[in-house]
Amino acid sequence: MDINSILSKEKIPEINTLSPLTLAFLGDSVYEMFVRTKILSMGNRPANELHKIAVGYVKAKAQATAAHKILETLSEEETEIYKRGRNTNIHTVPKNADMADYRHATALEALIGYLYIKGDEKRLSEILNLAFDELS
């Protein structure tokens, strides 16, 4: 498999068949890539410093804070995806996160994954920038 076939999303199943946790799985990586790219745009730093800054943006508490900020901007369709992500049955929570924050972080990641698969780059960019700016 080459990089172009990965980026073209050719083999991703129909979006409506994907579970909220599957959407969050993908959304987590999209959000992480966005955060890392934004941090690099702020200037060159040692790798351990970059990592510490990134963790501040991608931990559940930070994502939950960003999620609350973007909620008022969501369409009906986006709100439905967000709620599906928030209400999904989560079996494990990281030791440094509380359940409420983790649910909202999962919801944000599910929404990001949904917009990515849907190919709505404009809206995805808006949501990512709103989330990041809220934490900056």
Protein backbone atom coordinates (compact mmCIF):
# COMPACT_ATOMS: atom_id res chain seq x y z
CA MET A 1 0.00 0.00 0.00
CA ASP A 2 1.44 3.39 -0.94
CA ILE A 3 0.90 6.73 0.80
CA ASN A 4 -1.46 8.02 -1.89
CA SER A 5 -3.89 5.14 -1.43
CA ILE A 6 -3.84 5.71 2.34
CA LEU A 7 -4.50 9.41 1.98
CA SER A 8 -7.21 8.91 -0.64
CA LYS A 9 -9.32 6.92 1.89
CA GLU A 10 -10.28 4.45 -0.86
CA LYS A 11 -10.75 1.44 1.39
CA ILE A 12 -12.57 3.04 4.32
CA PRO A 13 -16.01 1.46 4.90
CA GLU A 14 -19.21 3.44 4.46
CA ILE A 15 -19.19 6.22 7.06
CA ASN A 16 -22.60 5.30 8.51
CA THR A 17 -21.39 1.78 9.35
CA LEU A 18 -18.53 2.99 11.56
CA SER A 19 -18.93 3.01 15.34
CA PRO A 20 -18.26 6.17 17.32
CA LEU A 21 -15.12 4.59 18.78
CA THR A 22 -13.85 3.79 15.29
CA LEU A 23 -14.43 7.41 14.28
CA ALA A 24 -12.64 8.53 17.46
CA PHE A 25 -9.74 6.18 16.69
CA LEU A 26 -9.17 7.99 13.42
CA GLY A 27 -10.05 11.42 14.79
CA ASP A 28 -7.44 11.04 17.53
CA SER A 29 -4.68 10.66 14.95
CA VAL A 30 -5.99 13.55 12.81
CA TYR A 31 -6.12 15.82 15.88
CA GLU A 32 -2.65 14.72 17.00
CA MET A 33 -1.19 15.46 13.57
CA PHE A 34 -2.88 18.86 13.50
CA VAL A 35 -1.58 19.75 16.99
CA ARG A 36 1.95 18.63 16.19
CA THR A 37 1.95 20.64 12.96
CA LYS A 38 0.66 23.76 14.73
CA ILE A 39 3.31 23.42 17.44
CA LEU A 40 6.07 23.06 14.85
CA SER A 41 4.83 26.22 13.14
CA MET A 42 5.61 28.09 16.37
CA GLY A 43 9.32 27.40 15.97
CA ASN A 44 11.99 24.76 16.35
CA ARG A 45 12.38 23.28 19.85
CA PRO A 46 13.92 20.19 21.42
CA ALA A 47 11.83 17.04 20.89
CA ASN A 48 11.07 16.56 24.60
CA GLU A 49 9.75 20.12 24.81
CA LEU A 50 7.60 19.58 21.71
CA HIS A 51 6.20 16.42 23.29
CA LYS A 52 5.31 18.20 26.54
CA ILE A 53 3.55 20.99 24.65
CA ALA A 54 1.63 18.49 22.49
CA VAL A 55 0.46 16.53 25.53
CA GLY A 56 -1.01 19.75 26.92
CA TYR A 57 -3.27 19.94 23.88
CA VAL A 58 -4.18 16.28 23.38
CA LYS A 59 -4.89 15.11 26.93
CA ALA A 60 -8.53 14.37 27.73
CA LYS A 61 -9.00 17.43 29.97
CA ALA A 62 -7.76 19.79 27.24
CA GLN A 63 -9.86 18.11 24.55
CA ALA A 64 -12.94 18.30 26.80
CA THR A 65 -12.35 22.03 27.32
CA ALA A 66 -12.04 22.54 23.57
CA ALA A 67 -15.12 20.38 22.94
CA HIS A 68 -17.28 22.52 25.20
CA LYS A 69 -16.16 25.61 23.29
CA ILE A 70 -17.06 24.23 19.86
CA LEU A 71 -20.43 22.73 20.86
CA GLU A 72 -22.30 25.95 20.14
CA THR A 73 -20.93 26.01 16.57
CA LEU A 74 -22.02 22.50 15.57
CA SER A 75 -24.70 21.73 13.01
CA GLU A 76 -27.48 19.28 13.82
CA GLU A 77 -25.63 16.49 11.98
CA GLU A 78 -22.35 17.27 13.79
CA THR A 79 -24.13 17.42 17.15
CA GLU A 80 -25.56 13.95 16.51
CA ILE A 81 -22.09 12.54 15.80
CA TYR A 82 -20.71 14.32 18.86
CA LYS A 83 -23.45 12.87 21.08
CA ARG A 84 -22.89 9.38 19.69
CA GLY A 85 -19.20 9.71 20.57
CA ARG A 86 -19.92 11.07 24.03
CA ASN A 87 -22.51 8.42 24.86
CA THR A 88 -20.62 5.39 23.56
CA ASN A 89 -19.79 2.57 25.95
CA ILE A 90 -16.21 3.25 27.07
CA HIS A 91 -14.56 0.36 28.89
CA THR A 92 -11.32 1.94 30.05
CA VAL A 93 -10.31 5.44 31.02
CA PRO A 94 -6.69 6.60 31.33
CA LYS A 95 -5.61 6.91 34.97
CA ASN A 96 -5.04 10.67 34.68
CA ALA A 97 -8.48 11.46 33.20
CA ASP A 98 -11.94 11.56 34.69
CA MET A 99 -14.84 9.87 32.92
CA ALA A 100 -16.70 13.07 31.97
CA ASP A 101 -13.62 14.63 30.36
CA TYR A 102 -12.80 11.40 28.59
CA ARG A 103 -16.32 11.14 27.16
CA HIS A 104 -16.16 14.69 25.76
CA ALA A 105 -12.67 14.07 24.38
CA THR A 106 -13.94 10.92 22.67
CA ALA A 107 -16.87 12.88 21.27
CA LEU A 108 -14.55 15.53 19.83
CA GLU A 109 -12.32 12.85 18.30
CA ALA A 110 -15.36 11.07 16.80
CA LEU A 111 -16.50 14.32 15.21
CA ILE A 112 -13.02 14.97 13.81
CA GLY A 113 -12.85 11.42 12.43
CA TYR A 114 -16.30 11.81 10.88
CA LEU A 115 -15.42 15.09 9.15
CA TYR A 116 -12.14 13.62 7.93
CA ILE A 117 -13.79 10.55 6.39
CA LYS A 118 -16.62 12.65 4.99
CA GLY A 119 -13.96 14.74 3.23
CA ASP A 120 -15.29 18.04 4.58
CA GLU A 121 -11.88 19.67 4.78
CA LYS A 122 -13.23 23.19 5.26
CA ARG A 123 -15.35 22.26 8.27
CA LEU A 124 -12.66 19.98 9.67
CA SER A 125 -10.20 22.86 9.51
CA GLU A 126 -12.69 25.18 11.26
CA ILE A 127 -13.28 22.69 14.09
CA LEU A 128 -9.57 21.92 14.54
CA ASN A 129 -8.64 25.59 14.61
CA LEU A 130 -11.45 26.44 17.04
CA ALA A 131 -10.38 23.63 19.34
CA PHE A 132 -6.70 24.58 19.18
CA ASP A 133 -7.33 28.30 19.60
CA GLU A 134 -9.46 27.64 22.67
CA LEU A 135 -6.45 26.05 24.37
CA SER A 136 -3.81 28.55 23.22
